[in-house]
């Protein structure tokens, strides 16, 4: 990772859709463990599926209304942790899957599997592999234990309906690297092409 440029607060101070797309291919590390982001979902206050819908601030979602570039971590259905990146104005991006790259042994130990495709394929698996829990809620993504590095080169991205929600299921706000074997779930053959995204300089 030496020589790679890190992200800035400005990077996150945009609409969640923009951030969700641009995060594909970005390297995410937590205490040196992680890999390339290959799947995301976006949420904002005008989205019925969002915790911040209609700009309602609660004890649970308060971090979503703070400055961009913070981690929003919550437990889903009381079962597993989910890691989100706070964007502007009460919006956030859920990190759904990584391509494991760094410290594979640590991830395999935490997940009790050597199958690389099952280490970080899904929000809960990802958080378990990276040891992310509620203690990181509100932590800066721009400081330890997090490290985020801009992607190298272009990446081909597709979008489709989000997974595991009951509201606004038809919204094409799930984004992923086309044909990546590390997705939590494959996109349908008719997935909408977002296009080949160049390296973002922000």
N, C-alpha and C. Protein backbone atom coordinates (compact mmCIF):
# COMPACT_ATOMS: atom_id res chain seq x y z
N UNK A 1 0.81 -1.21 0.00
CA UNK A 1 0.00 0.00 0.00
C UNK A 1 0.85 1.27 0.00
N UNK A 2 2.16 1.12 0.19
CA UNK A 2 3.02 2.29 0.23
C UNK A 2 2.95 3.04 -1.10
N UNK A 3 2.78 4.36 -1.00
CA UNK A 3 2.73 5.17 -2.21
C UNK A 3 1.32 5.45 -2.69
N UNK A 4 0.33 4.77 -2.12
CA UNK A 4 -1.05 5.04 -2.53
C UNK A 4 -1.60 6.26 -1.81
N UNK A 5 -2.38 7.05 -2.52
CA UNK A 5 -2.97 8.24 -1.92
C UNK A 5 -4.20 7.87 -1.11
N UNK A 6 -4.35 8.49 0.04
CA UNK A 6 -5.50 8.23 0.89
C UNK A 6 -6.67 9.14 0.51
N UNK A 7 -7.85 8.80 1.00
CA UNK A 7 -9.03 9.61 0.76
C UNK A 7 -9.08 10.77 1.76
N UNK A 8 -9.92 11.75 1.45
CA UNK A 8 -10.06 12.93 2.31
C UNK A 8 -11.53 13.12 2.69
N UNK A 9 -11.79 14.03 3.61
CA UNK A 9 -13.17 14.30 4.01
C UNK A 9 -13.97 14.81 2.81
N UNK A 10 -13.33 15.56 1.94
CA UNK A 10 -14.01 16.09 0.76
C UNK A 10 -14.57 14.96 -0.11
N UNK A 11 -13.87 13.85 -0.14
CA UNK A 11 -14.30 12.70 -0.93
C UNK A 11 -15.70 12.25 -0.53
N UNK A 12 -16.00 12.29 0.76
CA UNK A 12 -17.28 11.81 1.27
C UNK A 12 -18.38 12.88 1.27
N UNK A 13 -18.02 14.13 1.06
CA UNK A 13 -18.99 15.22 1.13
C UNK A 13 -19.75 15.37 -0.18
N UNK A 14 -20.35 14.27 -0.63
CA UNK A 14 -21.11 14.23 -1.87
C UNK A 14 -22.35 13.36 -1.67
N UNK A 15 -23.18 13.30 -2.70
CA UNK A 15 -24.37 12.44 -2.62
C UNK A 15 -23.93 11.00 -2.45
N UNK A 16 -24.70 10.24 -1.68
CA UNK A 16 -24.34 8.85 -1.38
C UNK A 16 -24.18 8.00 -2.63
N UNK A 17 -24.97 8.26 -3.67
CA UNK A 17 -24.84 7.48 -4.90
C UNK A 17 -23.46 7.67 -5.54
N UNK A 18 -23.00 8.93 -5.56
CA UNK A 18 -21.69 9.22 -6.13
C UNK A 18 -20.59 8.52 -5.36
N UNK A 19 -20.70 8.60 -4.03
CA UNK A 19 -19.67 7.98 -3.19
C UNK A 19 -19.70 6.47 -3.33
N UNK A 20 -20.91 5.90 -3.37
CA UNK A 20 -21.04 4.44 -3.47
C UNK A 20 -20.39 3.90 -4.74
N UNK A 21 -20.56 4.62 -5.84
CA UNK A 21 -19.95 4.21 -7.11
C UNK A 21 -18.43 4.37 -7.05
N UNK A 22 -17.98 5.51 -6.54
CA UNK A 22 -16.55 5.79 -6.55
C UNK A 22 -15.76 4.91 -5.57
N UNK A 23 -16.44 4.31 -4.60
CA UNK A 23 -15.75 3.46 -3.63
C UNK A 23 -15.38 2.08 -4.20
N UNK A 24 -16.02 1.69 -5.29
CA UNK A 24 -15.69 0.40 -5.88
C UNK A 24 -14.24 0.42 -6.36
N UNK A 25 -13.44 -0.49 -5.83
CA UNK A 25 -12.02 -0.54 -6.16
C UNK A 25 -11.12 0.12 -5.14
N UNK A 26 -11.72 0.88 -4.21
CA UNK A 26 -10.95 1.51 -3.14
C UNK A 26 -10.50 0.44 -2.15
N UNK A 27 -9.31 0.58 -1.60
CA UNK A 27 -8.80 -0.37 -0.62
C UNK A 27 -9.18 0.09 0.78
N UNK A 28 -9.82 -0.79 1.53
CA UNK A 28 -10.23 -0.54 2.92
C UNK A 28 -9.45 -1.46 3.84
N UNK A 29 -8.76 -0.88 4.82
CA UNK A 29 -8.06 -1.66 5.82
C UNK A 29 -8.51 -1.22 7.21
N UNK A 30 -8.63 -2.17 8.11
CA UNK A 30 -8.91 -1.89 9.52
C UNK A 30 -7.81 -2.58 10.32
N UNK A 31 -6.95 -1.76 10.93
CA UNK A 31 -5.76 -2.31 11.61
C UNK A 31 -4.94 -3.20 10.68
N UNK A 32 -4.84 -2.77 9.43
CA UNK A 32 -4.02 -3.47 8.46
C UNK A 32 -4.65 -4.68 7.82
N UNK A 33 -5.92 -4.93 8.11
CA UNK A 33 -6.63 -6.10 7.57
C UNK A 33 -7.72 -5.64 6.61
N UNK A 34 -7.80 -6.23 5.43
CA UNK A 34 -8.88 -5.85 4.51
C UNK A 34 -8.57 -6.13 3.06
N UNK A 35 -9.13 -5.28 2.18
CA UNK A 35 -8.95 -5.50 0.75
C UNK A 35 -9.68 -4.46 -0.07
N UNK A 36 -9.96 -4.81 -1.34
CA UNK A 36 -10.62 -3.90 -2.28
C UNK A 36 -12.14 -3.97 -2.11
N UNK A 37 -12.77 -2.82 -2.04
CA UNK A 37 -14.22 -2.77 -1.98
C UNK A 37 -14.79 -3.16 -3.34
N UNK A 38 -15.68 -4.15 -3.36
CA UNK A 38 -16.27 -4.58 -4.64
C UNK A 38 -17.78 -4.44 -4.67
N UNK A 39 -18.40 -4.04 -3.54
CA UNK A 39 -19.86 -3.93 -3.53
C UNK A 39 -20.30 -2.94 -2.45
N UNK A 40 -21.24 -2.06 -2.82
CA UNK A 40 -21.75 -1.04 -1.89
C UNK A 40 -23.25 -0.85 -2.10
N UNK A 41 -23.89 -0.16 -1.16
CA UNK A 41 -25.28 0.28 -1.30
C UNK A 41 -25.39 1.69 -0.74
N UNK A 42 -26.22 2.52 -1.36
CA UNK A 42 -26.36 3.90 -0.92
C UNK A 42 -27.71 4.16 -0.26
N UNK A 43 -27.70 5.09 0.72
CA UNK A 43 -28.91 5.45 1.47
C UNK A 43 -28.88 6.95 1.77
N UNK A 44 -30.04 7.62 1.68
CA UNK A 44 -30.12 9.03 2.02
C UNK A 44 -31.47 9.35 2.65
N UNK A 45 -31.67 10.57 3.18
CA UNK A 45 -32.89 10.90 3.92
C UNK A 45 -34.19 10.87 3.11
N UNK A 46 -34.10 10.86 1.79
CA UNK A 46 -35.31 10.79 0.97
C UNK A 46 -35.62 9.36 0.54
N UNK A 47 -34.88 8.44 1.07
CA UNK A 47 -34.99 7.02 0.73
C UNK A 47 -35.74 6.29 1.86
N UNK A 48 -36.92 5.72 1.58
CA UNK A 48 -37.70 5.03 2.62
C UNK A 48 -36.96 3.89 3.31
N UNK A 49 -35.92 3.36 2.68
CA UNK A 49 -35.16 2.26 3.27
C UNK A 49 -34.03 2.75 4.18
N UNK A 50 -33.82 4.05 4.22
CA UNK A 50 -32.71 4.60 4.99
C UNK A 50 -33.08 4.81 6.45
N UNK A 51 -32.11 4.62 7.34
CA UNK A 51 -32.32 4.90 8.76
C UNK A 51 -32.61 6.39 8.98
N UNK A 52 -32.19 7.23 8.05
CA UNK A 52 -32.36 8.68 8.20
C UNK A 52 -33.56 9.21 7.41
N UNK A 53 -34.46 8.33 7.01
CA UNK A 53 -35.60 8.73 6.18
C UNK A 53 -36.34 9.91 6.80
N UNK A 54 -36.65 10.88 5.96
CA UNK A 54 -37.34 12.11 6.34
C UNK A 54 -36.53 12.93 7.36
N UNK A 55 -35.23 12.73 7.36
CA UNK A 55 -34.31 13.49 8.21
C UNK A 55 -34.59 13.30 9.70
N UNK A 56 -35.14 12.15 10.06
CA UNK A 56 -35.42 11.88 11.47
C UNK A 56 -34.16 11.40 12.16
N UNK A 57 -33.72 12.18 13.12
CA UNK A 57 -32.50 11.85 13.85
C UNK A 57 -32.84 11.11 15.14
N UNK A 58 -32.18 10.00 15.37
CA UNK A 58 -32.40 9.19 16.56
C UNK A 58 -31.05 8.89 17.20
N UNK A 59 -31.09 8.26 18.37
CA UNK A 59 -29.84 7.88 19.03
C UNK A 59 -29.06 6.91 18.16
N UNK A 60 -29.78 6.06 17.44
CA UNK A 60 -29.11 5.05 16.61
C UNK A 60 -28.42 5.67 15.40
N UNK A 61 -29.10 6.58 14.70
CA UNK A 61 -28.57 7.09 13.43
C UNK A 61 -27.87 8.43 13.54
N UNK A 62 -27.63 8.92 14.75
CA UNK A 62 -27.09 10.27 14.95
C UNK A 62 -25.81 10.52 14.15
N UNK A 63 -24.98 9.50 14.03
CA UNK A 63 -23.71 9.67 13.31
C UNK A 63 -23.94 10.04 11.85
N UNK A 64 -25.06 9.62 11.26
CA UNK A 64 -25.34 9.94 9.86
C UNK A 64 -25.50 11.43 9.63
N UNK A 65 -25.79 12.19 10.69
CA UNK A 65 -26.01 13.63 10.55
C UNK A 65 -24.79 14.44 10.97
N UNK A 66 -23.70 13.76 11.27
CA UNK A 66 -22.47 14.46 11.60
C UNK A 66 -21.65 14.66 10.33
N UNK A 67 -20.40 15.01 10.48
CA UNK A 67 -19.59 15.37 9.30
C UNK A 67 -19.31 14.15 8.43
N UNK A 68 -19.12 14.37 7.15
CA UNK A 68 -18.77 13.27 6.24
C UNK A 68 -17.43 12.65 6.64
N UNK A 69 -17.30 11.35 6.34
CA UNK A 69 -16.04 10.68 6.61
C UNK A 69 -15.97 9.97 7.94
N UNK A 70 -17.15 9.71 8.53
CA UNK A 70 -17.19 8.94 9.78
C UNK A 70 -17.75 7.55 9.50
N UNK A 71 -17.47 6.63 10.40
CA UNK A 71 -18.02 5.28 10.31
C UNK A 71 -19.36 5.22 11.05
N UNK A 72 -20.36 4.69 10.39
CA UNK A 72 -21.65 4.43 11.02
C UNK A 72 -21.78 2.92 11.12
N UNK A 73 -21.70 2.41 12.34
CA UNK A 73 -21.72 0.97 12.56
C UNK A 73 -22.94 0.61 13.41
N UNK A 74 -23.74 -0.31 12.93
CA UNK A 74 -24.92 -0.74 13.67
C UNK A 74 -25.09 -2.25 13.54
N UNK A 75 -25.86 -2.81 14.46
CA UNK A 75 -26.12 -4.25 14.42
C UNK A 75 -27.44 -4.48 13.68
N UNK A 76 -27.40 -5.33 12.69
CA UNK A 76 -28.58 -5.61 11.87
C UNK A 76 -29.37 -6.78 12.45
N UNK A 77 -30.63 -6.51 12.75
CA UNK A 77 -31.53 -7.54 13.30
C UNK A 77 -30.92 -8.24 14.52
N UNK A 78 -30.05 -7.54 15.23
CA UNK A 78 -29.45 -8.10 16.42
C UNK A 78 -28.48 -9.23 16.16
N UNK A 79 -28.09 -9.42 14.90
CA UNK A 79 -27.28 -10.58 14.54
C UNK A 79 -25.85 -10.23 14.15
N UNK A 80 -25.68 -9.26 13.26
CA UNK A 80 -24.33 -8.96 12.79
C UNK A 80 -24.14 -7.46 12.61
N UNK A 81 -22.88 -7.05 12.63
CA UNK A 81 -22.55 -5.63 12.46
C UNK A 81 -22.51 -5.25 10.98
N UNK A 82 -22.82 -3.98 10.72
CA UNK A 82 -22.76 -3.43 9.36
C UNK A 82 -21.93 -2.16 9.40
N UNK A 83 -21.02 -2.02 8.44
CA UNK A 83 -20.16 -0.85 8.35
C UNK A 83 -20.64 0.06 7.23
N UNK A 84 -20.87 1.32 7.58
CA UNK A 84 -21.30 2.33 6.62
C UNK A 84 -20.36 3.53 6.66
N UNK A 85 -20.23 4.20 5.52
CA UNK A 85 -19.42 5.41 5.44
C UNK A 85 -20.37 6.61 5.35
N UNK A 86 -20.27 7.54 6.27
CA UNK A 86 -21.15 8.71 6.30
C UNK A 86 -20.78 9.68 5.18
N UNK A 87 -21.80 10.12 4.44
CA UNK A 87 -21.62 11.10 3.37
C UNK A 87 -22.29 12.41 3.81
N UNK A 88 -22.70 13.23 2.89
CA UNK A 88 -23.24 14.53 3.28
C UNK A 88 -24.73 14.42 3.66
N UNK A 89 -25.17 15.29 4.56
CA UNK A 89 -26.59 15.47 4.84
C UNK A 89 -27.39 14.25 5.24
N UNK A 90 -26.91 13.46 6.19
CA UNK A 90 -27.70 12.34 6.65
C UNK A 90 -27.71 11.14 5.73
N UNK A 91 -26.73 11.02 4.87
CA UNK A 91 -26.66 9.89 3.95
C UNK A 91 -25.44 9.03 4.27
N UNK A 92 -25.45 7.80 3.77
CA UNK A 92 -24.35 6.89 4.05
C UNK A 92 -24.28 5.80 2.99
N UNK A 93 -23.14 5.14 2.94
CA UNK A 93 -22.92 4.03 2.02
C UNK A 93 -22.58 2.78 2.82
N UNK A 94 -23.35 1.73 2.61
CA UNK A 94 -23.10 0.45 3.24
C UNK A 94 -22.02 -0.29 2.46
N UNK A 95 -21.00 -0.78 3.16
CA UNK A 95 -19.95 -1.55 2.52
C UNK A 95 -20.36 -3.01 2.57
N UNK A 96 -20.68 -3.58 1.41
CA UNK A 96 -21.27 -4.92 1.36
C UNK A 96 -20.25 -6.04 1.14
N UNK A 97 -19.17 -5.78 0.43
CA UNK A 97 -18.24 -6.86 0.15
C UNK A 97 -16.86 -6.33 -0.23
N UNK A 98 -15.86 -7.13 0.12
CA UNK A 98 -14.47 -6.83 -0.23
C UNK A 98 -13.85 -8.01 -0.95
N UNK A 99 -12.88 -7.72 -1.78
CA UNK A 99 -11.97 -8.75 -2.28
C UNK A 99 -10.82 -8.82 -1.28
N UNK A 100 -10.67 -9.90 -0.54
CA UNK A 100 -9.62 -9.97 0.49
C UNK A 100 -8.23 -9.83 -0.13
N UNK A 101 -7.41 -8.98 0.49
CA UNK A 101 -6.07 -8.74 -0.04
C UNK A 101 -5.02 -8.78 1.06
N UNK A 102 -5.25 -8.06 2.15
CA UNK A 102 -4.25 -7.91 3.20
C UNK A 102 -4.60 -8.72 4.45
N UNK A 103 -3.60 -9.39 5.02
CA UNK A 103 -3.74 -10.16 6.27
C UNK A 103 -4.80 -11.25 6.14
N UNK A 104 -4.66 -12.07 5.13
CA UNK A 104 -5.64 -13.14 4.89
C UNK A 104 -5.75 -14.10 6.06
N UNK A 105 -4.62 -14.42 6.69
CA UNK A 105 -4.65 -15.36 7.80
C UNK A 105 -5.52 -14.86 8.95
N UNK A 106 -5.45 -13.57 9.23
CA UNK A 106 -6.28 -13.00 10.31
C UNK A 106 -7.76 -13.12 9.96
N UNK A 107 -8.11 -12.82 8.71
CA UNK A 107 -9.51 -12.92 8.29
C UNK A 107 -9.99 -14.37 8.33
N UNK A 108 -9.16 -15.29 7.89
CA UNK A 108 -9.54 -16.70 7.89
C UNK A 108 -9.74 -17.22 9.30
N UNK A 109 -8.92 -16.76 10.22
CA UNK A 109 -9.06 -17.17 11.62
C UNK A 109 -10.37 -16.62 12.21
N UNK A 110 -10.65 -15.37 11.96
CA UNK A 110 -11.86 -14.75 12.51
C UNK A 110 -13.13 -15.35 11.93
N UNK A 111 -13.06 -15.73 10.66
CA UNK A 111 -14.24 -16.26 9.99
C UNK A 111 -14.31 -17.79 10.04
N UNK A 112 -13.25 -18.41 10.54
CA UNK A 112 -13.18 -19.88 10.64
C UNK A 112 -13.42 -20.55 9.29
N UNK A 113 -12.82 -19.98 8.26
CA UNK A 113 -12.88 -20.57 6.92
C UNK A 113 -11.67 -20.11 6.12
N UNK A 114 -11.22 -20.98 5.21
CA UNK A 114 -10.13 -20.62 4.32
C UNK A 114 -10.63 -20.23 2.93
N UNK A 115 -11.94 -20.29 2.75
CA UNK A 115 -12.55 -19.95 1.47
C UNK A 115 -12.53 -18.44 1.27
N UNK A 116 -11.68 -17.96 0.39
CA UNK A 116 -11.51 -16.52 0.20
C UNK A 116 -12.82 -15.85 -0.22
N UNK A 117 -13.67 -16.58 -0.95
CA UNK A 117 -14.91 -15.97 -1.43
C UNK A 117 -15.93 -15.77 -0.31
N UNK A 118 -15.72 -16.41 0.83
CA UNK A 118 -16.67 -16.28 1.93
C UNK A 118 -16.14 -15.43 3.08
N UNK A 119 -14.96 -14.87 2.90
CA UNK A 119 -14.39 -14.06 3.98
C UNK A 119 -15.13 -12.74 4.17
N UNK A 120 -15.39 -12.04 3.08
CA UNK A 120 -15.96 -10.68 3.17
C UNK A 120 -17.14 -10.48 2.23
N UNK A 121 -17.84 -11.55 1.88
CA UNK A 121 -18.97 -11.46 0.95
C UNK A 121 -20.27 -11.26 1.73
N UNK A 122 -20.57 -10.01 2.02
CA UNK A 122 -21.75 -9.66 2.81
C UNK A 122 -21.34 -8.78 3.97
N UNK A 123 -22.21 -7.86 4.39
CA UNK A 123 -21.86 -6.90 5.46
C UNK A 123 -21.43 -7.56 6.77
N UNK A 124 -22.14 -8.61 7.19
CA UNK A 124 -21.80 -9.27 8.44
C UNK A 124 -20.48 -10.01 8.37
N UNK A 125 -20.25 -10.72 7.30
CA UNK A 125 -18.99 -11.44 7.12
C UNK A 125 -17.83 -10.46 7.08
N UNK A 126 -18.02 -9.38 6.36
CA UNK A 126 -16.99 -8.36 6.22
C UNK A 126 -16.60 -7.81 7.58
N UNK A 127 -17.60 -7.46 8.40
CA UNK A 127 -17.30 -6.89 9.71
C UNK A 127 -16.62 -7.91 10.62
N UNK A 128 -17.03 -9.16 10.53
CA UNK A 128 -16.38 -10.19 11.34
C UNK A 128 -14.93 -10.37 10.90
N UNK A 129 -14.68 -10.40 9.60
CA UNK A 129 -13.33 -10.59 9.09
C UNK A 129 -12.40 -9.44 9.46
N UNK A 130 -12.95 -8.21 9.49
CA UNK A 130 -12.15 -7.03 9.79
C UNK A 130 -12.22 -6.62 11.26
N UNK A 131 -12.96 -7.40 12.08
CA UNK A 131 -13.13 -7.11 13.51
C UNK A 131 -13.75 -5.73 13.74
N UNK A 132 -14.77 -5.43 12.94
CA UNK A 132 -15.51 -4.18 13.10
C UNK A 132 -16.72 -4.43 13.98
N UNK A 133 -16.90 -3.59 15.01
CA UNK A 133 -18.07 -3.71 15.87
C UNK A 133 -18.52 -2.32 16.31
N UNK A 134 -19.46 -2.27 17.23
CA UNK A 134 -20.05 -1.00 17.65
C UNK A 134 -19.08 -0.02 18.27
N UNK A 135 -17.93 -0.49 18.71
CA UNK A 135 -16.96 0.42 19.30
C UNK A 135 -16.40 1.40 18.28
N UNK A 136 -16.56 1.10 16.98
CA UNK A 136 -16.06 1.98 15.92
C UNK A 136 -17.13 2.92 15.39
N UNK A 137 -18.33 2.87 15.93
CA UNK A 137 -19.38 3.79 15.50
C UNK A 137 -18.97 5.23 15.81
N UNK A 138 -18.95 6.07 14.80
CA UNK A 138 -18.56 7.47 14.98
C UNK A 138 -17.07 7.72 14.80
N UNK A 139 -16.29 6.67 14.59
CA UNK A 139 -14.85 6.85 14.40
C UNK A 139 -14.56 7.46 13.03
N UNK A 140 -13.49 8.21 12.94
CA UNK A 140 -13.10 8.80 11.66
C UNK A 140 -12.54 7.74 10.74
N UNK A 141 -13.00 7.77 9.48
CA UNK A 141 -12.47 6.86 8.47
C UNK A 141 -11.10 7.30 7.98
N UNK A 142 -10.70 8.50 8.39
CA UNK A 142 -9.45 9.09 7.92
C UNK A 142 -8.32 8.91 8.93
N UNK A 143 -8.57 8.13 9.98
CA UNK A 143 -7.56 7.91 11.01
C UNK A 143 -7.58 6.45 11.44
N UNK A 144 -6.54 6.03 12.14
CA UNK A 144 -6.49 4.66 12.65
C UNK A 144 -7.69 4.37 13.52
N UNK A 145 -8.22 3.13 13.45
CA UNK A 145 -7.64 1.94 12.80
C UNK A 145 -7.94 1.82 11.31
N UNK A 146 -8.68 2.82 10.75
CA UNK A 146 -9.04 2.75 9.33
C UNK A 146 -7.93 3.29 8.45
N UNK A 147 -7.86 2.75 7.24
CA UNK A 147 -7.01 3.30 6.19
C UNK A 147 -7.74 3.06 4.88
N UNK A 148 -7.91 4.10 4.09
CA UNK A 148 -8.61 4.01 2.81
C UNK A 148 -7.71 4.57 1.73
N UNK A 149 -7.48 3.77 0.67
CA UNK A 149 -6.59 4.17 -0.41
C UNK A 149 -7.34 4.21 -1.73
N UNK A 150 -7.08 5.26 -2.50
CA UNK A 150 -7.73 5.41 -3.80
C UNK A 150 -7.44 4.22 -4.69
N UNK A 151 -8.39 3.89 -5.55
CA UNK A 151 -8.18 2.75 -6.45
C UNK A 151 -7.16 3.11 -7.53
N UNK A 152 -6.56 2.07 -8.06
CA UNK A 152 -5.62 2.23 -9.17
C UNK A 152 -6.33 1.84 -10.46
N UNK A 153 -6.31 2.73 -11.44
CA UNK A 153 -6.89 2.41 -12.74
C UNK A 153 -8.41 2.42 -12.75
N UNK A 154 -8.97 1.98 -13.87
CA UNK A 154 -10.42 1.99 -14.07
C UNK A 154 -11.04 0.70 -13.55
N UNK A 155 -12.34 0.75 -13.32
CA UNK A 155 -13.07 -0.43 -12.90
C UNK A 155 -14.45 -0.39 -13.53
N UNK A 156 -14.94 -1.52 -14.00
CA UNK A 156 -16.25 -1.58 -14.64
C UNK A 156 -17.31 -1.89 -13.57
N UNK A 157 -18.32 -1.04 -13.50
CA UNK A 157 -19.30 -1.10 -12.41
C UNK A 157 -20.71 -1.29 -12.96
N UNK A 158 -21.50 -2.09 -12.24
CA UNK A 158 -22.91 -2.28 -12.57
C UNK A 158 -23.75 -1.97 -11.34
N UNK A 159 -25.05 -1.76 -11.55
CA UNK A 159 -25.95 -1.47 -10.43
C UNK A 159 -27.20 -2.33 -10.54
N UNK A 160 -27.85 -2.53 -9.40
CA UNK A 160 -29.08 -3.32 -9.36
C UNK A 160 -29.82 -3.04 -8.07
N UNK A 161 -30.94 -3.73 -7.82
CA UNK A 161 -31.73 -3.54 -6.60
C UNK A 161 -30.92 -3.93 -5.36
N UNK A 162 -31.19 -3.25 -4.25
CA UNK A 162 -30.50 -3.57 -3.00
C UNK A 162 -31.01 -4.89 -2.44
N UNK A 163 -30.27 -5.43 -1.48
CA UNK A 163 -30.54 -6.76 -0.93
C UNK A 163 -30.93 -6.65 0.55
N UNK A 164 -31.87 -7.49 0.97
CA UNK A 164 -32.19 -7.60 2.39
C UNK A 164 -32.99 -6.47 2.98
N UNK A 165 -33.72 -5.73 2.14
CA UNK A 165 -34.57 -4.65 2.65
C UNK A 165 -36.00 -4.88 2.17
N UNK A 166 -36.95 -4.25 2.87
CA UNK A 166 -38.35 -4.43 2.52
C UNK A 166 -38.95 -3.19 1.86
N UNK A 167 -38.28 -2.04 1.95
CA UNK A 167 -38.77 -0.80 1.37
C UNK A 167 -37.87 -0.35 0.23
N UNK A 168 -38.48 0.29 -0.77
CA UNK A 168 -37.73 0.81 -1.92
C UNK A 168 -36.80 -0.25 -2.51
N UNK A 169 -37.30 -1.46 -2.60
CA UNK A 169 -36.49 -2.58 -3.08
C UNK A 169 -36.14 -2.43 -4.56
N UNK A 170 -36.94 -1.66 -5.29
CA UNK A 170 -36.71 -1.55 -6.73
C UNK A 170 -35.62 -0.55 -7.09
N UNK A 171 -35.20 0.26 -6.12
CA UNK A 171 -34.20 1.28 -6.40
C UNK A 171 -32.86 0.64 -6.78
N UNK A 172 -32.27 1.12 -7.85
CA UNK A 172 -30.99 0.56 -8.33
C UNK A 172 -29.84 1.25 -7.60
N UNK A 173 -29.72 0.93 -6.31
CA UNK A 173 -28.73 1.61 -5.48
C UNK A 173 -27.73 0.64 -4.85
N UNK A 174 -27.63 -0.54 -5.44
CA UNK A 174 -26.57 -1.48 -5.09
C UNK A 174 -25.57 -1.45 -6.24
N UNK A 175 -24.30 -1.25 -5.92
CA UNK A 175 -23.27 -1.10 -6.93
C UNK A 175 -22.17 -2.13 -6.71
N UNK A 176 -21.60 -2.61 -7.80
CA UNK A 176 -20.55 -3.60 -7.65
C UNK A 176 -19.63 -3.68 -8.85
N UNK A 177 -18.48 -4.28 -8.62
CA UNK A 177 -17.53 -4.51 -9.70
C UNK A 177 -18.05 -5.66 -10.55
N UNK A 178 -18.21 -5.40 -11.82
CA UNK A 178 -18.78 -6.39 -12.73
C UNK A 178 -18.01 -7.71 -12.69
N UNK A 179 -18.75 -8.80 -12.50
CA UNK A 179 -18.20 -10.16 -12.54
C UNK A 179 -17.20 -10.49 -11.44
N UNK A 180 -17.13 -9.67 -10.39
CA UNK A 180 -16.22 -10.00 -9.30
C UNK A 180 -16.69 -11.28 -8.60
N UNK A 181 -15.80 -12.22 -8.32
CA UNK A 181 -16.18 -13.44 -7.62
C UNK A 181 -16.38 -13.23 -6.12
N UNK A 182 -16.14 -12.00 -5.65
CA UNK A 182 -16.21 -11.73 -4.21
C UNK A 182 -17.46 -10.97 -3.79
N UNK A 183 -18.41 -10.80 -4.72
CA UNK A 183 -19.68 -10.13 -4.40
C UNK A 183 -20.48 -10.96 -3.40
N UNK A 184 -21.34 -10.31 -2.62
CA UNK A 184 -22.21 -11.05 -1.71
C UNK A 184 -23.27 -11.83 -2.48
N UNK A 185 -23.64 -11.30 -3.63
CA UNK A 185 -24.56 -11.97 -4.54
C UNK A 185 -24.33 -11.44 -5.94
N UNK A 186 -24.36 -12.32 -6.91
CA UNK A 186 -24.15 -11.88 -8.29
C UNK A 186 -25.26 -10.94 -8.74
N UNK A 187 -24.91 -10.02 -9.62
CA UNK A 187 -25.91 -9.17 -10.24
C UNK A 187 -26.59 -9.96 -11.35
N UNK A 188 -27.83 -9.65 -11.63
CA UNK A 188 -28.55 -10.34 -12.69
C UNK A 188 -27.93 -10.00 -14.05
N UNK A 189 -28.14 -10.86 -15.05
CA UNK A 189 -27.58 -10.58 -16.38
C UNK A 189 -28.03 -9.24 -16.93
N UNK A 190 -29.18 -8.76 -16.49
CA UNK A 190 -29.68 -7.49 -16.98
C UNK A 190 -29.30 -6.30 -16.12
N UNK A 191 -28.30 -6.46 -15.27
CA UNK A 191 -27.88 -5.36 -14.39
C UNK A 191 -27.48 -4.14 -15.21
N UNK A 192 -27.79 -2.99 -14.69
CA UNK A 192 -27.53 -1.75 -15.40
C UNK A 192 -26.05 -1.39 -15.33
N UNK A 193 -25.46 -1.09 -16.46
CA UNK A 193 -24.05 -0.72 -16.50
C UNK A 193 -23.88 0.72 -16.06
N UNK A 194 -23.06 0.93 -15.05
CA UNK A 194 -22.72 2.29 -14.62
C UNK A 194 -21.61 2.82 -15.50
N UNK A 195 -20.82 1.89 -16.04
CA UNK A 195 -19.74 2.28 -16.94
C UNK A 195 -18.39 2.02 -16.32
N UNK A 196 -17.38 2.30 -17.07
CA UNK A 196 -16.00 2.15 -16.59
C UNK A 196 -15.61 3.45 -15.92
N UNK A 197 -15.42 3.37 -14.61
CA UNK A 197 -15.15 4.59 -13.84
C UNK A 197 -13.66 4.85 -13.73
N UNK A 198 -13.23 6.05 -14.13
CA UNK A 198 -11.81 6.38 -14.03
C UNK A 198 -11.44 6.70 -12.59
N UNK A 199 -10.15 6.78 -12.33
CA UNK A 199 -9.66 7.15 -11.02
C UNK A 199 -10.16 8.53 -10.65
N UNK A 200 -10.82 8.65 -9.48
CA UNK A 200 -11.39 9.93 -9.05
C UNK A 200 -10.35 10.71 -8.26
N UNK A 201 -10.12 11.92 -8.65
CA UNK A 201 -9.12 12.75 -7.96
C UNK A 201 -9.82 13.81 -7.12
N UNK A 202 -10.16 13.41 -5.87
CA UNK A 202 -10.80 14.35 -4.94
C UNK A 202 -10.21 14.15 -3.58
